[in-house]
Amino acid sequence: LMVLVFGSISSVLGVVYALHEHDIKRLLAYHSVENIGIILLG
């Protein structure tokens, strides 16, 4: 359950941070936070 909670938070906030980026490499880095969250959901 703890892993699910941290995975949920990381996936949503990671992509939210990415939406505000204009630097393409920083945008992709924030999407790594998002996808780590998705993996943690599994």
All heavy atoms as atom14 arrays in JSON, in Angstrom:
{
  "sequence": "LMVLVFGSISSVLGVVYALHEHDIKRLLAYHSVENIGIILLG",
  "atom14_mask": [
    [1, 1, 1, 1, 1, 1, 1, 1, 0, 0, 0, 0, 0, 0],
    [1, 1, 1, 1, 1, 1, 1, 1, 0, 0, 0, 0, 0, 0],
    [1, 1, 1, 1, 1, 1, 1, 0, 0, 0, 0, 0, 0, 0],
    [1, 1, 1, 1, 1, 1, 1, 1, 0, 0, 0, 0, 0, 0],
    [1, 1, 1, 1, 1, 1, 1, 0, 0, 0, 0, 0, 0, 0],
    [1, 1, 1, 1, 1, 1, 1, 1, 1, 1, 1, 0, 0, 0],
    [1, 1, 1, 1, 0, 0, 0, 0, 0, 0, 0, 0, 0, 0],
    [1, 1, 1, 1, 1, 1, 0, 0, 0, 0, 0, 0, 0, 0],
    [1, 1, 1, 1, 1, 1, 1, 1, 0, 0, 0, 0, 0, 0],
    [1, 1, 1, 1, 1, 1, 0, 0, 0, 0, 0, 0, 0, 0],
    [1, 1, 1, 1, 1, 1, 0, 0, 0, 0, 0, 0, 0, 0],
    [1, 1, 1, 1, 1, 1, 1, 0, 0, 0, 0, 0, 0, 0],
    [1, 1, 1, 1, 1, 1, 1, 1, 0, 0, 0, 0, 0, 0],
    [1, 1, 1, 1, 0, 0, 0, 0, 0, 0, 0, 0, 0, 0],
    [1, 1, 1, 1, 1, 1, 1, 0, 0, 0, 0, 0, 0, 0],
    [1, 1, 1, 1, 1, 1, 1, 0, 0, 0, 0, 0, 0, 0],
    [1, 1, 1, 1, 1, 1, 1, 1, 1, 1, 1, 1, 0, 0],
    [1, 1, 1, 1, 1, 0, 0, 0, 0, 0, 0, 0, 0, 0],
    [1, 1, 1, 1, 1, 1, 1, 1, 0, 0, 0, 0, 0, 0],
    [1, 1, 1, 1, 1, 1, 1, 1, 1, 1, 0, 0, 0, 0],
    [1, 1, 1, 1, 1, 1, 1, 1, 1, 0, 0, 0, 0, 0],
    [1, 1, 1, 1, 1, 1, 1, 1, 1, 1, 0, 0, 0, 0],
    [1, 1, 1, 1, 1, 1, 1, 1, 0, 0, 0, 0, 0, 0],
    [1, 1, 1, 1, 1, 1, 1, 1, 0, 0, 0, 0, 0, 0],
    [1, 1, 1, 1, 1, 1, 1, 1, 1, 0, 0, 0, 0, 0],
    [1, 1, 1, 1, 1, 1, 1, 1, 1, 1, 1, 0, 0, 0],
    [1, 1, 1, 1, 1, 1, 1, 1, 0, 0, 0, 0, 0, 0],
    [1, 1, 1, 1, 1, 1, 1, 1, 0, 0, 0, 0, 0, 0],
    [1, 1, 1, 1, 1, 0, 0, 0, 0, 0, 0, 0, 0, 0],
    [1, 1, 1, 1, 1, 1, 1, 1, 1, 1, 1, 1, 0, 0],
    [1, 1, 1, 1, 1, 1, 1, 1, 1, 1, 0, 0, 0, 0],
    [1, 1, 1, 1, 1, 1, 0, 0, 0, 0, 0, 0, 0, 0],
    [1, 1, 1, 1, 1, 1, 1, 0, 0, 0, 0, 0, 0, 0],
    [1, 1, 1, 1, 1, 1, 1, 1, 1, 0, 0, 0, 0, 0],
    [1, 1, 1, 1, 1, 1, 1, 1, 0, 0, 0, 0, 0, 0],
    [1, 1, 1, 1, 1, 1, 1, 1, 0, 0, 0, 0, 0, 0],
    [1, 1, 1, 1, 0, 0, 0, 0, 0, 0, 0, 0, 0, 0],
    [1, 1, 1, 1, 1, 1, 1, 1, 0, 0, 0, 0, 0, 0],
    [1, 1, 1, 1, 1, 1, 1, 1, 0, 0, 0, 0, 0, 0],
    [1, 1, 1, 1, 1, 1, 1, 1, 0, 0, 0, 0, 0, 0],
    [1, 1, 1, 1, 1, 1, 1, 1, 0, 0, 0, 0, 0, 0],
    [1, 1, 1, 1, 0, 0, 0, 0, 0, 0, 0, 0, 0, 0]
  ],
  "atom14_positions": [
    [[0.83, -1.2, 0.0], [0.0, 0.0, 0.0], [0.87, 1.26, 0.0], [0.55, 2.25, -0.68], [-0.93, -0.01, 1.21], [-1.92, -1.18, 1.28], [-2.81, -1.06, 2.52], [-2.78, -1.26, 0.02], [0.0, 0.0, 0.0], [0.0, 0.0, 0.0], [0.0, 0.0, 0.0], [0.0, 0.0, 0.0], [0.0, 0.0, 0.0], [0.0, 0.0, 0.0]],
    [[1.97, 1.23, 0.74], [2.88, 2.37, 0.75], [3.48, 2.61, -0.64], [3.56, 3.75, -1.12], [4.0, 2.14, 1.76], [5.0, 3.28, 1.84], [6.37, 2.98, 3.0], [7.33, 1.77, 2.08], [0.0, 0.0, 0.0], [0.0, 0.0, 0.0], [0.0, 0.0, 0.0], [0.0, 0.0, 0.0], [0.0, 0.0, 0.0], [0.0, 0.0, 0.0]],
    [[3.88, 1.53, -1.29], [4.44, 1.66, -2.64], [3.4, 2.22, -3.6], [3.71, 3.08, -4.44], [4.98, 0.3, -3.13], [5.43, 0.4, -4.58], [6.13, -0.18, -2.27], [0.0, 0.0, 0.0], [0.0, 0.0, 0.0], [0.0, 0.0, 0.0], [0.0, 0.0, 0.0], [0.0, 0.0, 0.0], [0.0, 0.0, 0.0], [0.0, 0.0, 0.0]],
    [[2.16, 1.78, -3.49], [1.08, 2.3, -4.34], [0.88, 3.8, -4.13], [0.68, 4.55, -5.1], [-0.22, 1.56, -4.06], [-0.36, 0.16, -4.65], [-1.64, -0.5, -4.15], [-0.35, 0.2, -6.17], [0.0, 0.0, 0.0], [0.0, 0.0, 0.0], [0.0, 0.0, 0.0], [0.0, 0.0, 0.0], [0.0, 0.0, 0.0], [0.0, 0.0, 0.0]],
    [[0.92, 4.26, -2.89], [0.71, 5.68, -2.61], [1.83, 6.52, -3.22], [1.58, 7.52, -3.91], [0.62, 5.92, -1.09], [0.67, 7.42, -0.79], [-0.67, 5.32, -0.54], [0.0, 0.0, 0.0], [0.0, 0.0, 0.0], [0.0, 0.0, 0.0], [0.0, 0.0, 0.0], [0.0, 0.0, 0.0], [0.0, 0.0, 0.0], [0.0, 0.0, 0.0]],
    [[3.09, 6.11, -3.01], [4.21, 6.88, -3.56], [4.24, 6.79, -5.09], [4.62, 7.76, -5.76], [5.53, 6.41, -2.95], [5.81, 7.01, -1.61], [5.51, 6.33, -0.44], [6.38, 8.27, -1.5], [5.75, 6.88, 0.8], [6.64, 8.84, -0.26], [6.31, 8.15, 0.9], [0.0, 0.0, 0.0], [0.0, 0.0, 0.0], [0.0, 0.0, 0.0]],
    [[3.85, 5.65, -5.63], [3.76, 5.52, -7.08], [2.71, 6.45, -7.67], [2.93, 7.09, -8.71], [0.0, 0.0, 0.0], [0.0, 0.0, 0.0], [0.0, 0.0, 0.0], [0.0, 0.0, 0.0], [0.0, 0.0, 0.0], [0.0, 0.0, 0.0], [0.0, 0.0, 0.0], [0.0, 0.0, 0.0], [0.0, 0.0, 0.0], [0.0, 0.0, 0.0]],
    [[1.57, 6.56, -7.01], [0.49, 7.44, -7.48], [0.94, 8.89, -7.47], [0.73, 9.64, -8.44], [-0.75, 7.27, -6.59], [-1.21, 5.94, -6.61], [0.0, 0.0, 0.0], [0.0, 0.0, 0.0], [0.0, 0.0, 0.0], [0.0, 0.0, 0.0], [0.0, 0.0, 0.0], [0.0, 0.0, 0.0], [0.0, 0.0, 0.0], [0.0, 0.0, 0.0]],
    [[1.54, 9.31, -6.37], [1.99, 10.71, -6.24], [3.05, 11.03, -7.29], [3.01, 12.08, -7.95], [2.52, 10.97, -4.82], [1.38, 10.85, -3.8], [3.18, 12.34, -4.73], [1.84, 10.85, -2.36], [0.0, 0.0, 0.0], [0.0, 0.0, 0.0], [0.0, 0.0, 0.0], [0.0, 0.0, 0.0], [0.0, 0.0, 0.0], [0.0, 0.0, 0.0]],
    [[4.01, 10.13, -7.45], [5.1, 10.37, -8.41], [4.58, 10.43, -9.84], [5.03, 11.27, -10.63], [6.16, 9.26, -8.29], [6.76, 9.28, -7.01], [0.0, 0.0, 0.0], [0.0, 0.0, 0.0], [0.0, 0.0, 0.0], [0.0, 0.0, 0.0], [0.0, 0.0, 0.0], [0.0, 0.0, 0.0], [0.0, 0.0, 0.0], [0.0, 0.0, 0.0]],
    [[3.64, 9.56, -10.19], [3.15, 9.54, -11.58], [2.4, 10.83, -11.93], [2.63, 11.41, -12.99], [2.25, 8.32, -11.8], [1.11, 8.37, -10.97], [0.0, 0.0, 0.0], [0.0, 0.0, 0.0], [0.0, 0.0, 0.0], [0.0, 0.0, 0.0], [0.0, 0.0, 0.0], [0.0, 0.0, 0.0], [0.0, 0.0, 0.0], [0.0, 0.0, 0.0]],
    [[1.54, 11.29, -11.03], [0.74, 12.48, -11.32], [1.6, 13.75, -11.28], [1.59, 14.56, -12.22], [-0.44, 12.61, -10.35], [-1.17, 13.94, -10.56], [-1.41, 11.45, -10.53], [0.0, 0.0, 0.0], [0.0, 0.0, 0.0], [0.0, 0.0, 0.0], [0.0, 0.0, 0.0], [0.0, 0.0, 0.0], [0.0, 0.0, 0.0], [0.0, 0.0, 0.0]],
    [[2.35, 13.93, -10.2], [3.14, 15.16, -10.08], [4.26, 15.22, -11.11], [4.62, 16.3, -11.58], [3.7, 15.29, -8.67], [2.68, 15.55, -7.56], [3.38, 15.78, -6.22], [1.79, 16.73, -7.9], [0.0, 0.0, 0.0], [0.0, 0.0, 0.0], [0.0, 0.0, 0.0], [0.0, 0.0, 0.0], [0.0, 0.0, 0.0], [0.0, 0.0, 0.0]],
    [[4.83, 14.06, -11.49], [5.87, 14.05, -12.5], [5.4, 14.64, -13.81], [6.07, 15.5, -14.41], [0.0, 0.0, 0.0], [0.0, 0.0, 0.0], [0.0, 0.0, 0.0], [0.0, 0.0, 0.0], [0.0, 0.0, 0.0], [0.0, 0.0, 0.0], [0.0, 0.0, 0.0], [0.0, 0.0, 0.0], [0.0, 0.0, 0.0], [0.0, 0.0, 0.0]],
    [[4.22, 14.25, -14.26], [3.71, 14.75, -15.53], [3.21, 16.18, -15.38], [3.28, 16.98, -16.33], [2.61, 13.81, -16.09], [1.32, 13.89, -15.29], [2.33, 14.11, -17.56], [0.0, 0.0, 0.0], [0.0, 0.0, 0.0], [0.0, 0.0, 0.0], [0.0, 0.0, 0.0], [0.0, 0.0, 0.0], [0.0, 0.0, 0.0], [0.0, 0.0, 0.0]],
    [[2.72, 16.57, -14.2], [2.3, 17.96, -13.98], [3.5, 18.9, -14.1], [3.43, 19.96, -14.75], [1.62, 18.11, -12.6], [1.46, 19.59, -12.23], [0.25, 17.43, -12.6], [0.0, 0.0, 0.0], [0.0, 0.0, 0.0], [0.0, 0.0, 0.0], [0.0, 0.0, 0.0], [0.0, 0.0, 0.0], [0.0, 0.0, 0.0], [0.0, 0.0, 0.0]],
    [[4.62, 18.51, -13.46], [5.83, 19.32, -13.58], [6.29, 19.41, -15.04], [6.75, 20.46, -15.5], [6.96, 18.73, -12.73], [6.76, 18.85, -11.24], [7.16, 17.81, -10.38], [6.18, 19.97, -10.67], [6.99, 17.91, -9.0], [6.0, 20.07, -9.29], [6.41, 19.03, -8.47], [6.23, 19.12, -7.11], [0.0, 0.0, 0.0], [0.0, 0.0, 0.0]],
    [[6.17, 18.3, -15.76], [6.62, 18.28, -17.16], [5.82, 19.25, -18.03], [6.36, 19.85, -18.97], [6.51, 16.86, -17.72], [0.0, 0.0, 0.0], [0.0, 0.0, 0.0], [0.0, 0.0, 0.0], [0.0, 0.0, 0.0], [0.0, 0.0, 0.0], [0.0, 0.0, 0.0], [0.0, 0.0, 0.0], [0.0, 0.0, 0.0], [0.0, 0.0, 0.0]],
    [[4.55, 19.41, -17.73], [3.69, 20.29, -18.54], [4.18, 21.73, -18.55], [3.91, 22.47, -19.51], [2.25, 20.24, -18.01], [1.38, 19.08, -18.51], [0.12, 18.97, -17.66], [1.03, 19.27, -19.98], [0.0, 0.0, 0.0], [0.0, 0.0, 0.0], [0.0, 0.0, 0.0], [0.0, 0.0, 0.0], [0.0, 0.0, 0.0], [0.0, 0.0, 0.0]],
    [[4.89, 22.14, -17.52], [5.32, 23.54, -17.4], [6.69, 23.78, -18.02], [7.16, 24.92, -18.03], [5.35, 23.94, -15.92], [4.01, 23.94, -15.26], [3.08, 24.94, -15.46], [3.43, 23.06, -14.42], [1.99, 24.69, -14.77], [2.17, 23.54, -14.13], [0.0, 0.0, 0.0], [0.0, 0.0, 0.0], [0.0, 0.0, 0.0], [0.0, 0.0, 0.0]],
    [[7.32, 22.73, -18.55], [8.69, 22.85, -19.05], [8.75, 23.26, -20.52], [7.96, 22.82, -21.33], [9.45, 21.54, -18.86], [9.98, 21.33, -17.45], [11.0, 22.37, -17.04], [11.69, 22.93, -17.91], [11.1, 22.62, -15.83], [0.0, 0.0, 0.0], [0.0, 0.0, 0.0], [0.0, 0.0, 0.0], [0.0, 0.0, 0.0], [0.0, 0.0, 0.0]],
    [[9.73, 24.11, -20.84], [10.04, 24.44, -22.23], [11.38, 23.86, -22.65], [11.68, 23.81, -23.84], [10.05, 25.97, -22.4], [8.74, 26.61, -22.1], [7.63, 26.47, -22.91], [8.34, 27.37, -21.04], [6.61, 27.13, -22.39], [7.0, 27.68, -21.25], [0.0, 0.0, 0.0], [0.0, 0.0, 0.0], [0.0, 0.0, 0.0], [0.0, 0.0, 0.0]],
    [[12.18, 23.44, -21.67], [13.45, 22.75, -21.95], [13.12, 21.28, -22.23], [12.61, 20.57, -21.37], [14.36, 22.87, -20.72], [15.72, 22.22, -20.91], [15.79, 21.13, -21.51], [16.73, 22.78, -20.43], [0.0, 0.0, 0.0], [0.0, 0.0, 0.0], [0.0, 0.0, 0.0], [0.0, 0.0, 0.0], [0.0, 0.0, 0.0], [0.0, 0.0, 0.0]],
    [[13.42, 20.83, -23.44], [12.95, 19.5, -23.85], [13.59, 18.38, -23.02], [12.95, 17.36, -22.73], [13.19, 19.28, -25.36], [12.44, 18.03, -25.82], [14.67, 19.22, -25.7], [12.31, 17.92, -27.32], [0.0, 0.0, 0.0], [0.0, 0.0, 0.0], [0.0, 0.0, 0.0], [0.0, 0.0, 0.0], [0.0, 0.0, 0.0], [0.0, 0.0, 0.0]],
    [[14.84, 18.54, -22.6], [15.47, 17.48, -21.8], [14.94, 17.48, -20.37], [14.78, 16.41, -19.76], [17.0, 17.62, -21.83], [17.61, 17.28, -23.19], [19.13, 17.31, -23.16], [19.72, 16.16, -22.39], [21.21, 16.13, -22.45], [0.0, 0.0, 0.0], [0.0, 0.0, 0.0], [0.0, 0.0, 0.0], [0.0, 0.0, 0.0], [0.0, 0.0, 0.0]],
    [[14.64, 18.64, -19.81], [14.03, 18.68, -18.48], [12.62, 18.1, -18.53], [12.19, 17.41, -17.59], [13.99, 20.12, -17.96], [15.33, 20.6, -17.4], [15.28, 22.07, -17.03], [14.31, 22.32, -15.97], [14.59, 22.26, -14.68], [15.81, 21.94, -14.28], [13.67, 22.53, -13.78], [0.0, 0.0, 0.0], [0.0, 0.0, 0.0], [0.0, 0.0, 0.0]],
    [[11.9, 18.38, -19.6], [10.57, 17.79, -19.78], [10.64, 16.27, -19.75], [9.86, 15.6, -19.08], [9.95, 18.29, -21.08], [8.56, 17.77, -21.48], [7.79, 18.86, -22.23], [8.66, 16.54, -22.37], [0.0, 0.0, 0.0], [0.0, 0.0, 0.0], [0.0, 0.0, 0.0], [0.0, 0.0, 0.0], [0.0, 0.0, 0.0], [0.0, 0.0, 0.0]],
    [[11.6, 15.71, -20.48], [11.75, 14.25, -20.52], [12.19, 13.71, -19.16], [11.78, 12.61, -18.76], [12.77, 13.86, -21.59], [12.35, 14.14, -23.04], [13.5, 13.81, -24.0], [11.12, 13.34, -23.42], [0.0, 0.0, 0.0], [0.0, 0.0, 0.0], [0.0, 0.0, 0.0], [0.0, 0.0, 0.0], [0.0, 0.0, 0.0], [0.0, 0.0, 0.0]],
    [[13.0, 14.48, -18.43], [13.44, 14.04, -17.1], [12.25, 13.95, -16.15], [12.13, 12.99, -15.38], [14.5, 15.0, -16.56], [0.0, 0.0, 0.0], [0.0, 0.0, 0.0], [0.0, 0.0, 0.0], [0.0, 0.0, 0.0], [0.0, 0.0, 0.0], [0.0, 0.0, 0.0], [0.0, 0.0, 0.0], [0.0, 0.0, 0.0], [0.0, 0.0, 0.0]],
    [[11.35, 14.93, -16.2], [10.16, 14.86, -15.35], [9.27, 13.68, -15.74], [8.62, 13.08, -14.88], [9.38, 16.16, -15.43], [9.87, 17.23, -14.48], [10.3, 18.48, -14.96], [9.91, 17.01, -13.11], [10.75, 19.46, -14.1], [10.37, 17.98, -12.24], [10.78, 19.21, -12.73], [11.22, 20.17, -11.86], [0.0, 0.0, 0.0], [0.0, 0.0, 0.0]],
    [[9.25, 13.34, -17.01], [8.47, 12.17, -17.43], [9.09, 10.87, -16.92], [8.4, 9.86, -16.82], [8.31, 12.14, -18.96], [7.16, 12.96, -19.44], [5.85, 12.54, -19.27], [7.11, 14.16, -20.04], [5.04, 13.47, -19.77], [5.77, 14.45, -20.24], [0.0, 0.0, 0.0], [0.0, 0.0, 0.0], [0.0, 0.0, 0.0], [0.0, 0.0, 0.0]],
    [[10.38, 10.9, -16.61], [10.98, 9.73, -15.97], [10.42, 9.55, -14.56], [10.17, 8.43, -14.12], [12.5, 9.86, -15.92], [13.05, 9.78, -17.23], [0.0, 0.0, 0.0], [0.0, 0.0, 0.0], [0.0, 0.0, 0.0], [0.0, 0.0, 0.0], [0.0, 0.0, 0.0], [0.0, 0.0, 0.0], [0.0, 0.0, 0.0], [0.0, 0.0, 0.0]],
    [[10.23, 10.67, -13.84], [9.6, 10.61, -12.53], [8.2, 10.01, -12.66], [7.8, 9.14, -11.88], [9.52, 12.01, -11.89], [8.79, 11.96, -10.55], [10.92, 12.59, -11.7], [0.0, 0.0, 0.0], [0.0, 0.0, 0.0], [0.0, 0.0, 0.0], [0.0, 0.0, 0.0], [0.0, 0.0, 0.0], [0.0, 0.0, 0.0], [0.0, 0.0, 0.0]],
    [[7.47, 10.47, -13.67], [6.12, 9.95, -13.92], [6.13, 8.45, -14.17], [5.35, 7.69, -13.58], [5.51, 10.67, -15.14], [4.23, 10.05, -15.65], [4.15, 10.03, -17.17], [4.84, 10.83, -17.83], [3.39, 9.2, -17.7], [0.0, 0.0, 0.0], [0.0, 0.0, 0.0], [0.0, 0.0, 0.0], [0.0, 0.0, 0.0], [0.0, 0.0, 0.0]],
    [[7.02, 8.0, -15.03], [7.02, 6.58, -15.4], [7.56, 5.68, -14.3], [7.14, 4.53, -14.2], [7.78, 6.38, -16.71], [6.94, 6.72, -17.92], [6.18, 5.89, -18.42], [7.03, 7.97, -18.37], [0.0, 0.0, 0.0], [0.0, 0.0, 0.0], [0.0, 0.0, 0.0], [0.0, 0.0, 0.0], [0.0, 0.0, 0.0], [0.0, 0.0, 0.0]],
    [[8.46, 6.2, -13.48], [8.86, 5.43, -12.3], [7.64, 5.23, -11.4], [7.45, 4.16, -10.81], [10.0, 6.15, -11.55], [11.31, 5.99, -12.31], [10.13, 5.63, -10.12], [11.83, 4.56, -12.41], [0.0, 0.0, 0.0], [0.0, 0.0, 0.0], [0.0, 0.0, 0.0], [0.0, 0.0, 0.0], [0.0, 0.0, 0.0], [0.0, 0.0, 0.0]],
    [[6.81, 6.27, -11.3], [5.57, 6.13, -10.53], [4.67, 5.05, -11.09], [4.09, 4.25, -10.33], [0.0, 0.0, 0.0], [0.0, 0.0, 0.0], [0.0, 0.0, 0.0], [0.0, 0.0, 0.0], [0.0, 0.0, 0.0], [0.0, 0.0, 0.0], [0.0, 0.0, 0.0], [0.0, 0.0, 0.0], [0.0, 0.0, 0.0], [0.0, 0.0, 0.0]],
    [[4.54, 4.99, -12.41], [3.7, 3.97, -13.05], [4.26, 2.57, -12.77], [3.51, 1.64, -12.46], [3.61, 4.23, -14.56], [2.84, 5.53, -14.83], [2.93, 3.05, -15.28], [2.85, 5.96, -16.28], [0.0, 0.0, 0.0], [0.0, 0.0, 0.0], [0.0, 0.0, 0.0], [0.0, 0.0, 0.0], [0.0, 0.0, 0.0], [0.0, 0.0, 0.0]],
    [[5.58, 2.42, -12.86], [6.19, 1.12, -12.56], [5.91, 0.73, -11.11], [5.6, -0.43, -10.81], [7.7, 1.17, -12.84], [7.97, 1.35, -14.34], [8.39, -0.1, -12.35], [9.4, 1.72, -14.68], [0.0, 0.0, 0.0], [0.0, 0.0, 0.0], [0.0, 0.0, 0.0], [0.0, 0.0, 0.0], [0.0, 0.0, 0.0], [0.0, 0.0, 0.0]],
    [[6.01, 1.7, -10.2], [5.75, 1.41, -8.79], [4.3, 1.0, -8.53], [4.03, 0.26, -7.58], [6.12, 2.62, -7.93], [7.61, 2.9, -7.73], [7.82, 4.15, -6.9], [8.31, 1.71, -7.09], [0.0, 0.0, 0.0], [0.0, 0.0, 0.0], [0.0, 0.0, 0.0], [0.0, 0.0, 0.0], [0.0, 0.0, 0.0], [0.0, 0.0, 0.0]],
    [[3.38, 1.46, -9.36], [2.0, 1.01, -9.22], [1.91, -0.5, -9.45], [1.2, -1.21, -8.72], [1.09, 1.74, -10.21], [0.91, 3.25, -10.0], [-0.04, 3.83, -11.05], [0.42, 3.56, -8.6], [0.0, 0.0, 0.0], [0.0, 0.0, 0.0], [0.0, 0.0, 0.0], [0.0, 0.0, 0.0], [0.0, 0.0, 0.0], [0.0, 0.0, 0.0]],
    [[2.63, -1.01, -10.45], [2.67, -2.45, -10.68], [3.37, -3.18, -9.55], [2.91, -4.23, -9.09], [0.0, 0.0, 0.0], [0.0, 0.0, 0.0], [0.0, 0.0, 0.0], [0.0, 0.0, 0.0], [0.0, 0.0, 0.0], [0.0, 0.0, 0.0], [0.0, 0.0, 0.0], [0.0, 0.0, 0.0], [0.0, 0.0, 0.0], [0.0, 0.0, 0.0]]
  ]
}
